[in-house]
N, C-alpha and C. Protein backbone atom coordinates (compact mmCIF):
# COMPACT_ATOMS: atom_id res chain seq x y z
N MET A 1 101.81 118.69 107.73
CA MET A 1 103.37 118.52 107.83
C MET A 1 103.88 117.73 106.68
N HIS A 2 104.95 118.22 106.18
CA HIS A 2 105.48 117.26 104.86
C HIS A 2 105.93 115.80 105.39
N ILE A 3 105.61 114.82 104.58
CA ILE A 3 105.80 113.45 104.89
C ILE A 3 107.27 113.30 105.35
N ARG A 4 108.19 113.88 104.78
CA ARG A 4 109.59 113.70 105.05
C ARG A 4 109.94 114.16 106.38
N THR A 5 109.29 115.28 106.84
CA THR A 5 109.52 115.73 108.29
C THR A 5 108.90 114.76 109.16
N LEU A 6 107.72 114.33 108.82
CA LEU A 6 107.10 113.31 109.65
C LEU A 6 107.88 112.17 109.90
N LEU A 7 108.32 111.46 108.83
CA LEU A 7 109.24 110.41 108.82
C LEU A 7 110.50 110.57 109.71
N LEU A 8 111.19 111.68 109.41
CA LEU A 8 112.34 111.99 110.22
C LEU A 8 112.10 112.05 111.68
N SER A 9 111.05 112.78 112.05
CA SER A 9 110.80 112.85 113.54
C SER A 9 110.43 111.59 114.02
N ALA A 10 110.07 110.50 113.19
CA ALA A 10 109.40 109.44 113.67
C ALA A 10 110.52 108.42 113.86
N LEU A 11 111.83 108.69 113.32
CA LEU A 11 112.87 107.63 113.27
C LEU A 11 113.40 107.66 114.78
N PRO A 12 113.98 106.46 115.16
CA PRO A 12 114.41 106.40 116.53
C PRO A 12 115.87 106.96 116.50
N PRO A 13 116.26 107.56 117.52
CA PRO A 13 117.71 108.07 117.64
C PRO A 13 118.81 107.05 117.33
N LEU A 14 119.60 107.33 116.62
CA LEU A 14 120.68 106.31 116.14
C LEU A 14 122.09 106.74 116.57
N ALA A 15 122.67 106.19 117.43
CA ALA A 15 124.01 106.64 117.82
C ALA A 15 125.08 105.99 116.90
N LEU A 16 125.26 106.72 115.72
CA LEU A 16 126.01 106.22 114.55
C LEU A 16 126.93 107.35 114.13
N ALA A 17 128.19 106.85 113.61
CA ALA A 17 129.01 107.94 113.00
C ALA A 17 128.51 108.13 111.52
N HIS A 18 128.50 109.52 111.15
CA HIS A 18 128.16 109.56 109.75
C HIS A 18 129.15 109.39 108.80
N GLY A 19 128.80 108.55 107.90
CA GLY A 19 129.64 108.14 106.76
C GLY A 19 129.37 109.07 105.41
N ASN A 20 130.19 108.81 104.51
CA ASN A 20 129.97 109.51 103.17
C ASN A 20 129.32 108.46 102.28
N HIS A 21 128.78 108.87 101.17
CA HIS A 21 128.17 107.97 100.26
C HIS A 21 129.16 107.28 99.44
N GLY A 22 130.39 107.52 99.48
CA GLY A 22 131.45 106.95 98.81
C GLY A 22 132.02 105.76 99.34
N GLY A 23 131.69 105.48 100.63
CA GLY A 23 132.25 104.31 101.29
C GLY A 23 132.31 104.36 102.68
N GLY A 24 131.65 105.33 103.29
CA GLY A 24 131.56 105.42 104.75
C GLY A 24 132.77 106.16 105.42
N GLY A 25 132.50 107.07 106.14
CA GLY A 25 133.54 107.96 106.79
C GLY A 25 134.03 107.32 108.11
N GLU A 26 134.73 108.05 108.90
CA GLU A 26 135.27 107.60 110.14
C GLU A 26 134.23 106.85 110.93
N GLY A 27 134.37 105.75 111.40
CA GLY A 27 133.19 105.09 112.23
C GLY A 27 132.39 104.23 111.35
N GLY A 28 132.07 104.75 110.01
CA GLY A 28 131.34 103.89 109.13
C GLY A 28 130.04 103.42 109.48
N SER A 29 129.50 102.36 109.07
CA SER A 29 128.17 101.83 109.41
C SER A 29 128.10 101.08 110.68
N GLN A 30 127.01 100.99 111.24
CA GLN A 30 126.74 100.24 112.50
C GLN A 30 127.00 98.72 112.21
N LYS A 31 126.84 98.47 110.94
CA LYS A 31 127.03 96.96 110.52
C LYS A 31 128.31 96.31 111.05
N PRO A 32 128.23 95.29 111.86
CA PRO A 32 129.47 94.70 112.29
C PRO A 32 130.53 94.33 111.16
N ALA A 33 131.79 94.40 111.37
CA ALA A 33 132.61 93.84 110.51
C ALA A 33 132.83 92.36 110.37
N VAL A 34 132.60 91.78 109.30
CA VAL A 34 132.70 90.28 109.20
C VAL A 34 133.66 89.92 108.15
N ASP A 35 134.40 88.81 108.41
CA ASP A 35 135.17 88.28 107.37
C ASP A 35 134.54 88.06 106.13
N PRO A 36 134.95 88.39 104.97
CA PRO A 36 134.17 88.18 103.73
C PRO A 36 134.15 86.66 103.37
N HIS A 37 134.86 85.97 103.95
CA HIS A 37 134.95 84.42 103.77
C HIS A 37 134.12 83.71 104.86
N ALA A 38 133.68 84.44 105.75
CA ALA A 38 132.65 83.71 106.75
C ALA A 38 131.53 83.07 105.93
N ASN A 39 130.82 82.11 106.70
CA ASN A 39 129.80 81.37 106.19
C ASN A 39 128.57 82.19 105.91
N TRP A 40 127.63 81.92 105.14
CA TRP A 40 126.52 82.66 104.81
C TRP A 40 125.68 83.14 105.97
N MET A 41 125.52 82.25 106.90
CA MET A 41 124.55 82.60 108.10
C MET A 41 125.28 83.74 108.98
N THR A 42 126.68 83.56 109.04
CA THR A 42 127.26 84.76 109.82
C THR A 42 127.16 86.04 109.02
N ARG A 43 127.33 85.98 107.66
CA ARG A 43 127.20 87.20 106.94
C ARG A 43 125.92 87.72 106.90
N HIS A 44 124.89 86.81 106.81
CA HIS A 44 123.42 87.28 106.98
C HIS A 44 123.16 87.96 108.32
N MET A 45 123.49 87.33 109.39
CA MET A 45 123.19 88.00 110.59
C MET A 45 123.69 89.39 110.81
N ALA A 46 125.10 89.53 110.36
CA ALA A 46 125.73 90.79 110.49
C ALA A 46 125.07 91.85 109.46
N GLU A 47 124.81 91.30 108.27
CA GLU A 47 124.26 92.36 107.22
C GLU A 47 122.90 92.70 107.63
N GLU A 48 121.98 91.73 107.85
CA GLU A 48 120.54 92.01 108.09
C GLU A 48 120.13 92.28 109.48
N HIS A 49 120.90 91.86 110.47
CA HIS A 49 120.42 92.06 111.93
C HIS A 49 121.54 92.63 112.76
N HIS A 50 122.66 92.90 112.25
CA HIS A 50 123.71 93.52 113.05
C HIS A 50 123.97 92.65 114.29
N ILE A 51 124.01 91.44 114.24
CA ILE A 51 124.31 90.49 115.09
C ILE A 51 125.54 89.66 114.75
N THR A 52 126.36 89.47 115.64
CA THR A 52 127.62 88.89 115.52
C THR A 52 127.71 87.48 116.37
N SER A 53 127.05 87.56 117.42
CA SER A 53 127.03 86.53 118.46
C SER A 53 125.57 85.81 118.39
N PHE A 54 125.53 84.51 117.88
CA PHE A 54 124.22 83.83 117.91
C PHE A 54 124.50 82.27 117.91
N ASP A 55 123.53 81.62 118.24
CA ASP A 55 123.62 80.03 118.05
C ASP A 55 122.42 79.68 117.19
N PRO A 56 122.64 78.36 116.99
CA PRO A 56 121.56 77.70 115.95
C PRO A 56 120.07 77.86 116.43
N PRO A 57 119.83 77.70 117.75
CA PRO A 57 118.36 77.79 118.23
C PRO A 57 117.93 79.27 118.05
N SER A 58 118.78 80.23 118.41
CA SER A 58 118.40 81.69 118.16
C SER A 58 118.20 82.04 116.80
N PHE A 59 118.90 81.50 115.90
CA PHE A 59 118.88 81.71 114.42
C PHE A 59 117.55 81.23 113.97
N PHE A 60 117.31 79.92 114.44
CA PHE A 60 115.99 79.33 114.02
C PHE A 60 114.82 80.17 114.50
N THR A 61 114.77 80.57 115.84
CA THR A 61 113.71 81.32 116.32
C THR A 61 113.46 82.73 115.58
N LEU A 62 114.51 83.26 115.39
CA LEU A 62 114.50 84.52 114.68
C LEU A 62 113.85 84.45 113.19
N HIS A 63 114.15 83.31 112.62
CA HIS A 63 113.70 83.24 111.30
C HIS A 63 112.31 82.39 111.04
N ASP A 64 111.79 81.89 112.23
CA ASP A 64 110.52 81.37 112.17
C ASP A 64 109.52 82.37 112.20
N PHE A 65 109.19 83.01 111.12
CA PHE A 65 108.57 84.24 111.26
C PHE A 65 107.06 84.20 111.72
N ASP A 66 106.51 83.03 111.69
CA ASP A 66 105.14 82.98 112.17
C ASP A 66 105.06 82.22 113.41
N SER A 67 106.22 82.01 114.05
CA SER A 67 106.37 81.21 115.38
C SER A 67 105.57 80.04 115.26
N SER A 68 105.59 79.22 114.37
CA SER A 68 104.89 77.89 114.15
C SER A 68 105.69 76.87 114.66
N GLY A 69 107.02 76.95 114.77
CA GLY A 69 107.86 75.86 115.34
C GLY A 69 108.51 75.17 114.17
N HIS A 70 108.34 75.61 113.10
CA HIS A 70 108.96 75.00 111.76
C HIS A 70 109.14 76.18 110.75
N LEU A 71 110.13 75.83 109.74
CA LEU A 71 110.26 76.69 108.59
C LEU A 71 109.50 76.06 107.35
N ASP A 72 108.75 76.68 106.76
CA ASP A 72 108.02 76.13 105.56
C ASP A 72 108.82 76.82 104.28
N ALA A 73 108.26 76.43 103.10
CA ALA A 73 109.00 76.89 101.84
C ALA A 73 109.06 78.49 101.83
N PRO A 74 107.73 79.19 102.02
CA PRO A 74 107.80 80.60 102.03
C PRO A 74 108.76 81.28 103.05
N GLU A 75 108.99 80.71 104.13
CA GLU A 75 109.95 81.26 105.32
C GLU A 75 111.34 80.97 104.66
N ILE A 76 111.55 79.98 104.03
CA ILE A 76 112.91 79.81 103.56
C ILE A 76 113.27 80.72 102.41
N LEU A 77 112.19 81.02 101.61
CA LEU A 77 112.39 82.02 100.62
C LEU A 77 112.64 83.56 101.33
N LYS A 78 111.84 83.70 102.31
CA LYS A 78 111.91 85.09 102.90
C LYS A 78 113.33 85.15 103.57
N LEU A 79 113.79 83.95 104.23
CA LEU A 79 115.07 84.06 104.84
C LEU A 79 116.22 84.30 103.89
N TYR A 80 116.12 83.86 102.66
CA TYR A 80 117.22 84.03 101.67
C TYR A 80 116.87 85.22 100.89
N GLY A 81 115.95 86.19 101.17
CA GLY A 81 115.63 87.35 100.40
C GLY A 81 114.99 87.06 99.15
N LEU A 82 114.48 86.09 98.84
CA LEU A 82 113.80 85.80 97.60
C LEU A 82 112.53 86.29 97.36
N LEU A 83 111.91 86.93 98.29
CA LEU A 83 110.69 87.63 98.41
C LEU A 83 110.92 89.20 98.15
N ASP A 84 112.03 89.44 98.27
CA ASP A 84 112.46 90.98 98.27
C ASP A 84 112.57 91.45 96.71
N PRO A 85 112.19 92.66 96.48
CA PRO A 85 112.31 93.20 95.17
C PRO A 85 113.71 93.03 94.52
N SER A 86 114.63 93.03 95.25
CA SER A 86 116.10 92.98 94.80
C SER A 86 116.26 91.61 94.05
N ASN A 87 115.44 90.46 94.34
CA ASN A 87 115.54 89.17 93.75
C ASN A 87 114.25 88.99 92.78
N ALA A 88 113.64 90.01 92.46
CA ALA A 88 112.49 89.95 91.59
C ALA A 88 112.75 89.17 90.15
N HIS A 89 113.92 89.11 89.85
CA HIS A 89 114.24 88.56 88.54
C HIS A 89 114.24 87.01 88.49
N TYR A 90 114.13 86.35 89.72
CA TYR A 90 113.93 84.84 89.81
C TYR A 90 112.41 84.44 89.41
N THR A 91 112.29 83.58 88.57
CA THR A 91 111.03 82.98 88.28
C THR A 91 110.40 82.40 89.54
N PRO A 92 109.16 82.01 89.52
CA PRO A 92 108.47 81.18 90.61
C PRO A 92 109.14 79.80 90.58
N ALA A 93 109.37 79.24 89.30
CA ALA A 93 109.99 77.90 89.28
C ALA A 93 111.55 78.00 89.97
N GLN A 94 112.19 78.99 89.71
CA GLN A 94 113.48 79.14 90.28
C GLN A 94 113.37 79.24 91.89
N ARG A 95 112.50 79.99 92.34
CA ARG A 95 112.25 80.12 93.69
C ARG A 95 111.77 78.73 94.33
N ASP A 96 110.99 78.04 93.80
CA ASP A 96 110.50 76.80 94.27
C ASP A 96 111.80 75.86 94.18
N ALA A 97 112.74 75.91 93.29
CA ALA A 97 113.85 75.03 93.26
C ALA A 97 114.87 75.44 94.43
N PHE A 98 114.93 76.68 94.65
CA PHE A 98 115.83 77.09 95.89
C PHE A 98 115.19 76.67 97.17
N ALA A 99 113.86 76.80 97.42
CA ALA A 99 113.28 76.25 98.47
C ALA A 99 113.47 74.60 98.65
N ARG A 100 113.28 74.04 97.55
CA ARG A 100 113.36 72.57 97.50
C ARG A 100 114.89 72.03 97.87
N GLN A 101 115.79 72.90 97.46
CA GLN A 101 117.17 72.64 97.78
C GLN A 101 117.47 72.67 99.25
N ILE A 102 116.90 73.57 100.02
CA ILE A 102 117.05 73.70 101.39
C ILE A 102 116.35 72.62 102.13
N LEU A 103 115.08 72.39 101.67
CA LEU A 103 114.31 71.34 102.31
C LEU A 103 114.93 69.88 102.12
N ASP A 104 115.59 69.65 100.90
CA ASP A 104 116.16 68.30 100.71
C ASP A 104 117.41 68.22 101.55
N LEU A 105 117.95 69.16 102.06
CA LEU A 105 119.21 69.14 102.85
C LEU A 105 118.79 68.91 104.41
N ILE A 106 117.75 69.41 104.73
CA ILE A 106 117.35 69.47 106.21
C ILE A 106 116.03 68.62 106.63
N ASP A 107 115.14 68.71 105.82
CA ASP A 107 113.75 67.99 106.08
C ASP A 107 113.86 66.45 105.90
N THR A 108 114.40 65.85 106.99
CA THR A 108 114.56 64.53 107.09
C THR A 108 113.40 63.55 106.94
N ASN A 109 112.12 64.01 107.38
CA ASN A 109 111.00 63.29 107.34
C ASN A 109 110.09 63.61 106.20
N ARG A 110 110.67 64.42 105.35
CA ARG A 110 109.94 64.71 104.02
C ARG A 110 108.57 65.18 104.17
N ASP A 111 108.26 65.96 105.07
CA ASP A 111 106.93 66.59 105.17
C ASP A 111 106.88 67.98 104.73
N ASP A 112 107.93 68.50 104.02
CA ASP A 112 108.13 69.84 103.37
C ASP A 112 108.04 70.81 104.58
N LEU A 113 108.47 70.47 105.78
CA LEU A 113 108.69 71.35 106.88
C LEU A 113 109.97 71.17 107.50
N ILE A 114 110.74 72.12 107.94
CA ILE A 114 111.98 72.06 108.76
C ILE A 114 111.68 72.32 110.21
N SER A 115 111.51 71.27 110.99
CA SER A 115 111.32 71.46 112.44
C SER A 115 112.58 72.03 113.11
N LYS A 116 112.36 72.44 114.36
CA LYS A 116 113.60 72.95 115.13
C LYS A 116 114.56 71.90 115.34
N ASP A 117 114.07 70.73 115.56
CA ASP A 117 114.91 69.48 115.79
C ASP A 117 115.78 69.23 114.70
N GLU A 118 115.07 69.14 113.40
CA GLU A 118 115.78 68.82 112.26
C GLU A 118 116.87 69.97 111.88
N PHE A 119 116.55 71.13 112.21
CA PHE A 119 117.46 72.26 112.03
C PHE A 119 118.82 72.20 112.89
N LEU A 120 118.47 71.95 114.11
CA LEU A 120 119.48 71.69 115.15
C LEU A 120 120.36 70.54 114.80
N HIS A 121 119.65 69.34 114.36
CA HIS A 121 120.51 68.17 113.89
C HIS A 121 121.46 68.50 112.81
N TYR A 122 120.85 69.16 111.99
CA TYR A 122 121.72 69.62 110.59
C TYR A 122 122.88 70.38 111.02
N LEU A 123 122.74 71.49 111.87
CA LEU A 123 123.88 72.23 112.26
C LEU A 123 124.74 71.67 113.29
N LEU A 124 124.20 71.17 114.41
CA LEU A 124 124.89 70.75 115.51
C LEU A 124 125.54 69.40 115.60
N VAL A 125 124.63 68.29 115.01
CA VAL A 125 125.18 66.94 114.98
C VAL A 125 125.84 66.69 113.63
N GLU A 126 125.28 67.22 112.42
CA GLU A 126 126.00 66.97 111.33
C GLU A 126 127.15 67.86 111.15
N GLY A 127 127.09 69.17 111.85
CA GLY A 127 128.20 70.11 111.69
C GLY A 127 128.17 70.98 110.39
N LYS A 128 127.00 71.07 109.76
CA LYS A 128 126.91 71.72 108.54
C LYS A 128 126.35 73.22 108.75
N GLU A 129 126.26 73.92 107.61
CA GLU A 129 125.78 75.23 107.67
C GLU A 129 124.75 75.52 106.46
N LEU A 130 123.89 76.38 106.69
CA LEU A 130 123.04 76.79 105.62
C LEU A 130 123.87 77.38 104.39
N PRO A 131 123.66 76.66 103.25
CA PRO A 131 124.40 77.06 102.04
C PRO A 131 124.14 78.62 101.56
N ASP A 132 125.24 79.11 100.89
CA ASP A 132 124.88 80.21 100.24
C ASP A 132 124.43 80.02 98.78
N LEU A 133 123.20 80.54 98.57
CA LEU A 133 122.51 80.19 97.27
C LEU A 133 122.92 81.32 96.17
N GLY A 134 123.73 82.27 96.52
CA GLY A 134 124.03 83.29 95.59
C GLY A 134 122.82 84.35 95.21
N THR A 135 122.00 84.42 96.27
CA THR A 135 120.94 85.42 96.11
C THR A 135 121.06 86.56 97.01
N GLY A 136 122.30 86.87 97.51
CA GLY A 136 122.51 88.02 98.38
C GLY A 136 122.47 87.70 99.89
N PRO A 137 122.54 88.74 100.65
CA PRO A 137 122.64 88.60 102.16
C PRO A 137 121.28 88.21 102.77
N GLY A 138 120.14 88.19 102.03
CA GLY A 138 118.82 87.64 102.55
C GLY A 138 118.08 88.91 103.14
N HIS A 139 117.78 89.70 102.25
CA HIS A 139 116.81 90.93 102.70
C HIS A 139 115.47 90.40 103.00
N HIS A 140 115.03 90.63 104.19
CA HIS A 140 113.64 90.01 104.48
C HIS A 140 112.86 91.07 105.36
N GLY A 141 113.36 92.24 105.65
CA GLY A 141 112.45 93.14 106.37
C GLY A 141 111.50 94.01 105.39
N ASP A 142 110.73 94.91 106.03
CA ASP A 142 109.76 95.73 105.15
C ASP A 142 110.68 96.90 104.56
N ASP A 143 109.97 97.64 103.87
CA ASP A 143 110.80 98.80 103.17
C ASP A 143 111.47 99.78 104.16
N GLU A 144 110.75 100.00 105.37
CA GLU A 144 111.31 100.84 106.39
C GLU A 144 112.67 100.16 107.06
N TYR A 145 112.49 99.00 107.28
CA TYR A 145 113.68 98.12 107.87
C TYR A 145 114.93 98.24 106.96
N GLU A 146 114.53 97.85 105.76
CA GLU A 146 115.72 97.72 104.69
C GLU A 146 116.26 99.10 104.44
N TYR A 147 115.48 100.19 104.36
CA TYR A 147 116.03 101.48 104.31
C TYR A 147 116.96 101.94 105.38
N GLU A 148 116.48 101.61 106.64
CA GLU A 148 117.23 102.08 107.80
C GLU A 148 118.55 101.29 107.74
N ILE A 149 118.38 99.85 107.77
CA ILE A 149 119.55 99.03 107.83
C ILE A 149 120.58 99.26 106.79
N HIS A 150 120.17 99.40 105.61
CA HIS A 150 121.17 99.43 104.36
C HIS A 150 121.48 100.77 103.99
N HIS A 151 120.79 101.82 104.34
CA HIS A 151 121.07 103.09 103.92
C HIS A 151 121.26 104.21 105.08
N TRP A 152 120.11 104.27 105.89
CA TRP A 152 120.28 105.41 106.84
C TRP A 152 121.33 105.10 107.82
N GLU A 153 121.55 103.96 108.32
CA GLU A 153 122.53 103.68 109.27
C GLU A 153 123.98 103.80 108.74
N LYS A 154 124.19 103.58 107.25
CA LYS A 154 125.48 103.79 106.72
C LYS A 154 125.68 105.04 106.39
N TYR A 155 124.91 105.97 106.00
CA TYR A 155 125.14 107.30 105.48
C TYR A 155 124.63 108.41 106.32
N HIS A 156 123.74 108.23 107.30
CA HIS A 156 123.13 109.20 108.03
C HIS A 156 123.23 108.95 109.50
N ASP A 157 122.71 109.85 110.30
CA ASP A 157 122.70 109.74 111.75
C ASP A 157 121.68 110.66 112.27
N GLU A 158 121.52 110.74 113.64
CA GLU A 158 120.50 111.66 114.28
C GLU A 158 120.65 113.16 114.04
N ASN A 159 121.94 113.42 113.44
CA ASN A 159 122.16 114.92 113.25
C ASN A 159 121.91 115.36 111.66
N THR A 160 121.43 114.25 110.91
CA THR A 160 121.16 114.56 109.44
C THR A 160 120.08 115.45 109.43
N LYS A 161 120.28 116.53 108.52
CA LYS A 161 119.17 117.51 108.27
C LYS A 161 118.43 117.18 106.87
N LEU A 162 117.18 117.59 106.79
CA LEU A 162 116.41 117.29 105.59
C LEU A 162 117.13 117.63 104.37
N GLU A 163 117.88 118.73 104.42
CA GLU A 163 118.59 118.95 102.96
C GLU A 163 119.68 117.90 102.59
N ASP A 164 120.13 117.12 103.65
CA ASP A 164 121.14 116.26 103.51
C ASP A 164 120.67 114.97 102.65
N LEU A 165 119.39 114.68 102.67
CA LEU A 165 118.77 113.45 102.21
C LEU A 165 118.72 113.64 100.66
N THR A 166 119.81 113.50 99.97
CA THR A 166 119.81 113.66 98.57
C THR A 166 120.37 112.42 97.85
N HIS A 167 120.55 111.45 98.55
CA HIS A 167 121.02 110.21 97.82
C HIS A 167 119.98 109.63 97.05
N PRO A 168 120.17 108.86 95.97
CA PRO A 168 119.04 108.31 95.20
C PRO A 168 118.17 107.36 96.08
N GLU A 169 118.85 106.73 97.02
CA GLU A 169 117.95 105.78 97.88
C GLU A 169 117.07 106.75 98.79
N ASP A 170 117.38 107.85 99.31
CA ASP A 170 116.61 108.80 100.02
C ASP A 170 115.52 109.19 99.30
N ILE A 171 115.73 109.60 98.03
CA ILE A 171 114.72 110.28 97.11
C ILE A 171 113.73 109.12 96.81
N GLU A 172 114.13 107.93 96.46
CA GLU A 172 113.27 106.85 96.07
C GLU A 172 112.42 106.34 97.22
N HIS A 173 113.07 106.41 98.50
CA HIS A 173 112.30 105.97 99.68
C HIS A 173 111.20 106.88 100.12
N PHE A 174 111.52 108.34 99.95
CA PHE A 174 110.48 109.28 100.41
C PHE A 174 109.41 109.52 99.27
N LYS A 175 109.75 109.22 98.04
CA LYS A 175 108.81 109.31 96.84
C LYS A 175 107.79 108.22 97.22
N LYS A 176 108.21 107.01 97.63
CA LYS A 176 107.19 106.01 97.78
C LYS A 176 106.20 106.34 98.94
N HIS A 177 106.76 107.03 99.95
CA HIS A 177 105.92 107.51 101.03
C HIS A 177 104.99 108.61 100.58
N GLU A 178 105.35 109.44 99.83
CA GLU A 178 104.53 110.51 99.14
C GLU A 178 103.45 109.94 98.42
N GLU A 179 103.85 108.90 97.63
CA GLU A 179 102.81 108.18 96.80
C GLU A 179 101.74 107.65 97.65
N MET A 180 102.17 107.01 98.78
CA MET A 180 101.22 106.23 99.75
C MET A 180 100.41 107.25 100.41
N GLU A 181 101.04 108.57 100.68
CA GLU A 181 100.26 109.56 101.30
C GLU A 181 99.09 110.22 100.44
N ARG A 182 99.47 110.30 99.20
CA ARG A 182 98.58 110.79 98.19
C ARG A 182 97.41 109.84 97.96
N GLU A 183 97.77 108.54 97.89
CA GLU A 183 96.74 107.56 97.56
C GLU A 183 95.77 107.64 98.73
N GLU A 184 96.30 107.72 99.98
CA GLU A 184 95.37 107.75 101.12
C GLU A 184 94.48 108.87 101.22
N GLU A 185 95.13 110.00 100.79
CA GLU A 185 94.21 111.33 100.58
C GLU A 185 93.17 111.28 99.60
N GLU A 186 93.46 110.49 98.57
CA GLU A 186 92.48 110.33 97.51
C GLU A 186 91.39 109.38 97.93
N ARG A 187 91.83 108.38 98.70
CA ARG A 187 90.87 107.36 99.17
C ARG A 187 89.75 108.15 100.10
N GLU A 188 90.37 108.86 101.17
CA GLU A 188 89.58 109.61 102.15
C GLU A 188 88.61 110.60 101.48
N GLU A 189 89.10 111.17 100.37
CA GLU A 189 88.34 112.20 99.62
C GLU A 189 87.08 111.43 98.95
N ARG A 190 87.36 110.29 98.32
CA ARG A 190 86.27 109.42 97.69
C ARG A 190 85.33 108.93 98.70
N GLU A 191 85.78 108.67 99.90
CA GLU A 191 84.79 108.26 101.09
C GLU A 191 84.00 109.36 101.48
N LYS A 192 84.67 110.47 101.61
CA LYS A 192 83.93 111.70 102.00
C LYS A 192 82.77 112.05 101.06
N LYS A 193 83.05 112.03 99.86
CA LYS A 193 82.08 112.28 98.74
C LYS A 193 80.95 111.23 98.80
N ALA A 194 81.34 109.90 99.08
CA ALA A 194 80.39 108.89 99.04
C ALA A 194 79.31 109.21 100.16
N ARG A 195 79.92 109.66 101.41
CA ARG A 195 79.07 109.81 102.59
C ARG A 195 78.03 111.03 102.33
N GLU A 196 78.70 112.05 101.63
CA GLU A 196 77.82 113.22 101.32
C GLU A 196 76.70 112.84 100.39
N GLN A 197 77.01 111.92 99.44
CA GLN A 197 75.99 111.58 98.48
C GLN A 197 74.93 110.54 99.04
N GLY A 198 75.32 109.82 99.93
CA GLY A 198 74.51 108.93 100.58
C GLY A 198 73.57 109.56 101.76
N GLY A 199 73.78 110.61 102.12
CA GLY A 199 72.98 111.27 103.15
C GLY A 199 73.23 110.90 104.50
N GLU A 200 72.84 111.66 105.41
CA GLU A 200 73.16 111.33 106.90
C GLU A 200 72.36 110.09 107.24
N GLY A 201 73.22 109.11 107.88
CA GLY A 201 72.74 107.99 108.43
C GLY A 201 72.58 106.82 107.46
N LYS A 202 72.75 107.19 106.15
CA LYS A 202 72.76 106.06 105.16
C LYS A 202 73.92 105.29 104.94
N GLY A 203 73.86 104.00 104.49
CA GLY A 203 74.98 103.29 104.33
C GLY A 203 75.69 103.82 103.05
N TRP A 204 76.96 103.68 102.99
CA TRP A 204 77.68 104.06 101.63
C TRP A 204 78.91 103.11 101.43
N VAL A 205 79.10 102.99 100.18
CA VAL A 205 80.23 102.11 99.60
C VAL A 205 80.94 102.68 98.53
N VAL A 206 82.28 102.76 98.54
CA VAL A 206 83.00 103.39 97.68
C VAL A 206 83.55 102.17 96.69
N GLU A 207 82.99 102.10 95.38
CA GLU A 207 83.25 101.04 94.49
C GLU A 207 84.69 100.83 94.29
N GLU A 208 85.51 101.97 94.35
CA GLU A 208 86.89 101.90 93.92
C GLU A 208 87.81 101.03 95.12
N ASN A 209 87.03 101.04 96.28
CA ASN A 209 87.79 100.44 97.38
C ASN A 209 87.34 98.86 97.50
N ILE A 210 86.53 98.32 96.68
CA ILE A 210 86.21 96.96 96.64
C ILE A 210 87.03 96.21 95.72
N PRO A 211 87.61 95.09 96.22
CA PRO A 211 88.46 94.35 95.39
C PRO A 211 87.71 93.89 94.04
N GLY A 212 88.44 93.87 93.12
CA GLY A 212 87.75 93.54 91.71
C GLY A 212 86.98 92.38 91.60
N LYS A 213 87.42 91.23 92.23
CA LYS A 213 86.64 90.09 92.18
C LYS A 213 85.31 90.15 92.86
N PHE A 214 85.11 91.06 93.86
CA PHE A 214 83.80 91.23 94.34
C PHE A 214 82.93 92.30 93.82
N ARG A 215 83.41 93.01 92.81
CA ARG A 215 82.68 94.04 92.20
C ARG A 215 81.44 93.39 91.30
N ARG A 216 80.34 94.04 91.32
CA ARG A 216 79.29 93.57 90.44
C ARG A 216 79.53 93.84 88.97
N VAL A 217 79.41 92.89 88.19
CA VAL A 217 79.37 93.15 86.71
C VAL A 217 78.28 92.93 86.10
N ASP A 218 77.70 94.11 85.48
CA ASP A 218 76.45 94.00 84.73
C ASP A 218 76.61 93.43 83.44
N LEU A 219 75.91 92.37 83.18
CA LEU A 219 75.89 91.68 81.89
C LEU A 219 74.86 92.08 80.96
């Protein structure tokens, strides 16, 4: 079965109004309408999570990606979308500076971690908000999530036909999947040949599947 058909059949049903690629039709996107002047946290939750009602504890828990009880620098970068391809133009030094900016605001004991208590104190006691760093709404889902949130829900619905998937975003998305499918087929073919060459019951290793640093180098 073609990869596009597989993906479409796997997508969950979406009760959405179908918009057009020029700005959304009647009903528009499932994304909640938010005042463009709202604070960054509110815009982030609406844009990335389709949530308009939340409190500081739930915001913290949602973005404590490893459930460790604190936010570290990588999680701050992920929260602000700085690990997303859309922000690939930022250098490592710039990313470090962004993370340091947030840590300096909230990390009161200077352990380079933001605990839940520190986060709640900053928002509830000091009455402050996470600042807008100018890096966008904070894309931090995987490719499937970002495609569904920012494209599928805006321009398609459960009635969309395969021939309707002609937007550049659709083409690029399915192209990636086709490349992944091709790479998987090639890997399986290499392993099959290795098994055949190794003989029944013999161990086999496909060199191309071994990380470069572990490959033997004949000097």
